[in-house]
Amino acid sequence: MKTPTPNVEPGQVWADNDRRSAGRKVRVVEVGATHATVELVDQRGRPARGHEAQQQAEPGRRTRIRLDRFRPTSTGYRLVSDGAK
């Protein structure tokens, strides 16, 4: 039996499984009908700045990810932390 993928909720931290983005983690800021708005975070779960923000054009920049990518596949995301509730 497959383990169900958790619902995507604000405050959660997800890690990118794509080996081209090794170590990349994002925090969910907002969830819409088809996409989640996320921000890149550092290893401690804080918004990435400077050299830690390699995947961003500018620090603090947010991006959107389709909700169907939040699943543990080789190009998806895996849940790291539920965040503060």
N, C-alpha and C. Protein backbone atom coordinates (compact mmCIF):
# COMPACT_ATOMS: atom_id res chain seq x y z
N MET A 1 0.83 -1.18 0.00
CA MET A 1 0.00 0.00 0.00
C MET A 1 0.88 1.25 0.00
N LYS A 2 0.54 2.20 -0.84
CA LYS A 2 1.30 3.43 -0.96
C LYS A 2 1.04 4.36 0.21
N THR A 3 2.09 5.06 0.66
CA THR A 3 1.93 6.08 1.69
C THR A 3 1.37 7.33 1.02
N PRO A 4 0.28 7.88 1.53
CA PRO A 4 -0.30 9.05 0.89
C PRO A 4 0.61 10.28 1.03
N THR A 5 0.62 11.10 0.00
CA THR A 5 1.38 12.34 0.03
C THR A 5 0.60 13.34 0.88
N PRO A 6 1.27 14.01 1.83
CA PRO A 6 0.56 14.97 2.68
C PRO A 6 0.03 16.16 1.88
N ASN A 7 -1.02 16.77 2.39
CA ASN A 7 -1.55 17.98 1.77
C ASN A 7 -0.52 19.09 1.90
N VAL A 8 -0.45 19.93 0.88
CA VAL A 8 0.47 21.07 0.88
C VAL A 8 -0.20 22.19 1.66
N GLU A 9 0.50 22.70 2.70
CA GLU A 9 -0.06 23.74 3.55
C GLU A 9 0.99 24.81 3.83
N PRO A 10 0.56 26.06 4.04
CA PRO A 10 1.51 27.12 4.37
C PRO A 10 2.33 26.78 5.61
N GLY A 11 3.62 27.14 5.56
CA GLY A 11 4.53 26.91 6.67
C GLY A 11 5.35 25.63 6.52
N GLN A 12 4.91 24.71 5.66
CA GLN A 12 5.66 23.47 5.46
C GLN A 12 6.96 23.76 4.70
N VAL A 13 7.98 22.94 4.98
CA VAL A 13 9.24 23.01 4.24
C VAL A 13 9.36 21.71 3.44
N TRP A 14 9.64 21.85 2.15
CA TRP A 14 9.77 20.72 1.24
C TRP A 14 11.17 20.77 0.61
N ALA A 15 11.77 19.59 0.39
CA ALA A 15 13.08 19.49 -0.26
C ALA A 15 12.89 19.04 -1.70
N ASP A 16 13.67 19.63 -2.59
CA ASP A 16 13.64 19.28 -4.01
C ASP A 16 14.37 17.97 -4.21
N ASN A 17 13.74 16.97 -4.82
CA ASN A 17 14.36 15.67 -5.07
C ASN A 17 15.24 15.64 -6.31
N ASP A 18 15.11 16.63 -7.18
CA ASP A 18 15.88 16.66 -8.42
C ASP A 18 17.36 16.82 -8.10
N ARG A 19 18.19 15.89 -8.55
CA ARG A 19 19.61 15.94 -8.20
C ARG A 19 20.31 17.17 -8.77
N ARG A 20 19.73 17.82 -9.77
CA ARG A 20 20.31 19.06 -10.29
C ARG A 20 20.14 20.21 -9.30
N SER A 21 19.22 20.05 -8.35
CA SER A 21 18.95 21.07 -7.34
C SER A 21 19.22 20.53 -5.94
N ALA A 22 20.26 19.72 -5.81
CA ALA A 22 20.57 19.07 -4.54
C ALA A 22 20.66 20.08 -3.40
N GLY A 23 19.96 19.79 -2.31
CA GLY A 23 19.99 20.66 -1.13
C GLY A 23 18.99 21.79 -1.15
N ARG A 24 18.28 21.99 -2.25
CA ARG A 24 17.32 23.10 -2.35
C ARG A 24 16.08 22.77 -1.51
N LYS A 25 15.71 23.72 -0.65
CA LYS A 25 14.49 23.57 0.15
C LYS A 25 13.65 24.82 -0.01
N VAL A 26 12.33 24.62 0.03
CA VAL A 26 11.40 25.74 -0.11
C VAL A 26 10.37 25.68 1.01
N ARG A 27 9.91 26.86 1.44
CA ARG A 27 8.83 26.97 2.41
C ARG A 27 7.59 27.43 1.68
N VAL A 28 6.47 26.77 1.95
CA VAL A 28 5.19 27.12 1.33
C VAL A 28 4.67 28.38 2.01
N VAL A 29 4.38 29.40 1.21
CA VAL A 29 3.86 30.67 1.71
C VAL A 29 2.35 30.73 1.55
N GLU A 30 1.88 30.21 0.42
CA GLU A 30 0.45 30.29 0.10
C GLU A 30 0.08 29.13 -0.82
N VAL A 31 -1.14 28.64 -0.70
CA VAL A 31 -1.60 27.54 -1.55
C VAL A 31 -2.86 27.98 -2.29
N GLY A 32 -2.83 27.83 -3.61
CA GLY A 32 -4.00 28.15 -4.43
C GLY A 32 -4.63 26.87 -4.95
N ALA A 33 -5.49 26.99 -5.93
CA ALA A 33 -6.20 25.83 -6.48
C ALA A 33 -5.27 24.88 -7.22
N THR A 34 -4.26 25.40 -7.93
CA THR A 34 -3.38 24.55 -8.74
C THR A 34 -1.89 24.71 -8.42
N HIS A 35 -1.51 25.80 -7.74
CA HIS A 35 -0.11 26.09 -7.47
C HIS A 35 0.10 26.51 -6.01
N ALA A 36 1.33 26.32 -5.54
CA ALA A 36 1.74 26.83 -4.23
C ALA A 36 2.79 27.91 -4.46
N THR A 37 2.70 28.98 -3.71
CA THR A 37 3.72 30.02 -3.74
C THR A 37 4.73 29.65 -2.67
N VAL A 38 6.02 29.62 -3.05
CA VAL A 38 7.08 29.19 -2.13
C VAL A 38 8.22 30.19 -2.14
N GLU A 39 9.05 30.12 -1.07
CA GLU A 39 10.28 30.89 -1.04
C GLU A 39 11.42 29.94 -0.68
N LEU A 40 12.58 30.18 -1.29
CA LEU A 40 13.74 29.35 -1.01
C LEU A 40 14.20 29.61 0.41
N VAL A 41 14.54 28.54 1.15
CA VAL A 41 15.02 28.68 2.53
C VAL A 41 16.39 28.03 2.66
N ASP A 42 17.13 28.44 3.69
CA ASP A 42 18.44 27.84 3.94
C ASP A 42 18.28 26.57 4.77
N GLN A 43 19.39 25.98 5.18
CA GLN A 43 19.35 24.72 5.91
C GLN A 43 18.63 24.82 7.25
N ARG A 44 18.53 26.02 7.81
CA ARG A 44 17.85 26.23 9.09
C ARG A 44 16.39 26.62 8.91
N GLY A 45 15.93 26.68 7.66
CA GLY A 45 14.53 27.00 7.41
C GLY A 45 14.24 28.48 7.30
N ARG A 46 15.32 29.31 7.23
CA ARG A 46 15.13 30.76 7.08
C ARG A 46 15.21 31.13 5.61
N PRO A 47 14.58 32.24 5.21
CA PRO A 47 14.68 32.65 3.81
C PRO A 47 16.14 32.78 3.41
N ALA A 48 16.50 32.22 2.25
CA ALA A 48 17.89 32.23 1.79
C ALA A 48 18.30 33.62 1.36
N ARG A 49 19.55 33.93 1.62
CA ARG A 49 20.12 35.23 1.25
C ARG A 49 21.50 35.01 0.65
N GLY A 50 21.95 35.94 -0.18
CA GLY A 50 23.30 35.91 -0.71
C GLY A 50 23.62 34.64 -1.48
N HIS A 51 24.77 34.03 -1.17
CA HIS A 51 25.22 32.85 -1.92
C HIS A 51 24.30 31.65 -1.71
N GLU A 52 23.51 31.64 -0.62
CA GLU A 52 22.58 30.54 -0.39
C GLU A 52 21.36 30.63 -1.30
N ALA A 53 21.18 31.74 -1.94
CA ALA A 53 20.01 31.95 -2.80
C ALA A 53 20.35 31.68 -4.26
N GLN A 54 21.13 30.67 -4.52
CA GLN A 54 21.59 30.37 -5.88
C GLN A 54 20.45 30.16 -6.85
N GLN A 55 19.34 29.62 -6.41
CA GLN A 55 18.23 29.31 -7.30
C GLN A 55 17.32 30.51 -7.54
N GLN A 56 17.64 31.66 -6.97
CA GLN A 56 16.79 32.83 -7.10
C GLN A 56 17.50 33.95 -7.84
N ALA A 57 16.73 34.78 -8.52
CA ALA A 57 17.30 35.94 -9.18
C ALA A 57 17.67 37.00 -8.14
N GLU A 58 16.88 37.14 -7.10
CA GLU A 58 17.15 38.09 -6.03
C GLU A 58 16.65 37.52 -4.71
N PRO A 59 17.31 37.86 -3.60
CA PRO A 59 16.91 37.33 -2.28
C PRO A 59 15.45 37.67 -1.96
N GLY A 60 14.75 36.72 -1.38
CA GLY A 60 13.36 36.93 -0.99
C GLY A 60 12.36 36.73 -2.10
N ARG A 61 12.85 36.48 -3.31
CA ARG A 61 11.94 36.28 -4.44
C ARG A 61 11.13 35.01 -4.23
N ARG A 62 9.87 35.09 -4.56
CA ARG A 62 8.98 33.94 -4.44
C ARG A 62 8.69 33.38 -5.82
N THR A 63 8.34 32.10 -5.85
CA THR A 63 8.00 31.44 -7.10
C THR A 63 6.81 30.52 -6.87
N ARG A 64 6.24 30.04 -7.97
CA ARG A 64 5.07 29.15 -7.88
C ARG A 64 5.44 27.77 -8.39
N ILE A 65 4.91 26.74 -7.73
CA ILE A 65 5.14 25.35 -8.11
C ILE A 65 3.79 24.66 -8.19
N ARG A 66 3.57 23.89 -9.26
CA ARG A 66 2.32 23.13 -9.38
C ARG A 66 2.17 22.18 -8.21
N LEU A 67 0.97 22.04 -7.70
CA LEU A 67 0.71 21.18 -6.55
C LEU A 67 1.03 19.71 -6.83
N ASP A 68 0.88 19.28 -8.08
CA ASP A 68 1.15 17.87 -8.38
C ASP A 68 2.64 17.52 -8.34
N ARG A 69 3.51 18.51 -8.19
CA ARG A 69 4.95 18.26 -8.04
C ARG A 69 5.33 17.94 -6.60
N PHE A 70 4.43 18.18 -5.65
CA PHE A 70 4.70 17.90 -4.24
C PHE A 70 4.41 16.43 -3.95
N ARG A 71 5.29 15.58 -4.46
CA ARG A 71 5.21 14.14 -4.22
C ARG A 71 6.62 13.58 -4.35
N PRO A 72 6.90 12.49 -3.65
CA PRO A 72 8.28 11.99 -3.59
C PRO A 72 8.73 11.21 -4.82
N THR A 73 8.82 11.89 -5.96
CA THR A 73 9.36 11.28 -7.18
C THR A 73 10.74 11.88 -7.43
N SER A 74 11.44 11.40 -8.43
CA SER A 74 12.80 11.90 -8.69
C SER A 74 12.83 13.37 -9.08
N THR A 75 11.74 13.91 -9.61
CA THR A 75 11.70 15.32 -9.98
C THR A 75 10.68 16.09 -9.15
N GLY A 76 10.19 15.48 -8.08
CA GLY A 76 9.21 16.13 -7.23
C GLY A 76 9.84 16.68 -5.96
N TYR A 77 9.04 16.78 -4.93
CA TYR A 77 9.48 17.31 -3.64
C TYR A 77 9.06 16.35 -2.53
N ARG A 78 9.82 16.35 -1.43
CA ARG A 78 9.47 15.53 -0.27
C ARG A 78 9.31 16.45 0.93
N LEU A 79 8.36 16.13 1.80
CA LEU A 79 8.09 16.95 2.97
C LEU A 79 9.22 16.79 3.98
N VAL A 80 9.76 17.92 4.47
CA VAL A 80 10.84 17.93 5.44
C VAL A 80 10.31 18.32 6.81
N SER A 81 9.42 19.33 6.84
CA SER A 81 8.92 19.84 8.10
C SER A 81 7.50 20.37 7.93
N ASP A 82 6.65 20.08 8.91
CA ASP A 82 5.29 20.60 8.88
C ASP A 82 5.23 22.08 9.23
N GLY A 83 6.29 22.61 9.79
CA GLY A 83 6.32 24.02 10.17
C GLY A 83 5.55 24.24 11.45
N ALA A 84 5.57 25.48 11.90
CA ALA A 84 4.87 25.85 13.14
C ALA A 84 3.39 25.95 12.87
N LYS A 85 2.62 25.30 13.73
CA LYS A 85 1.16 25.35 13.56
C LYS A 85 0.53 26.06 14.71
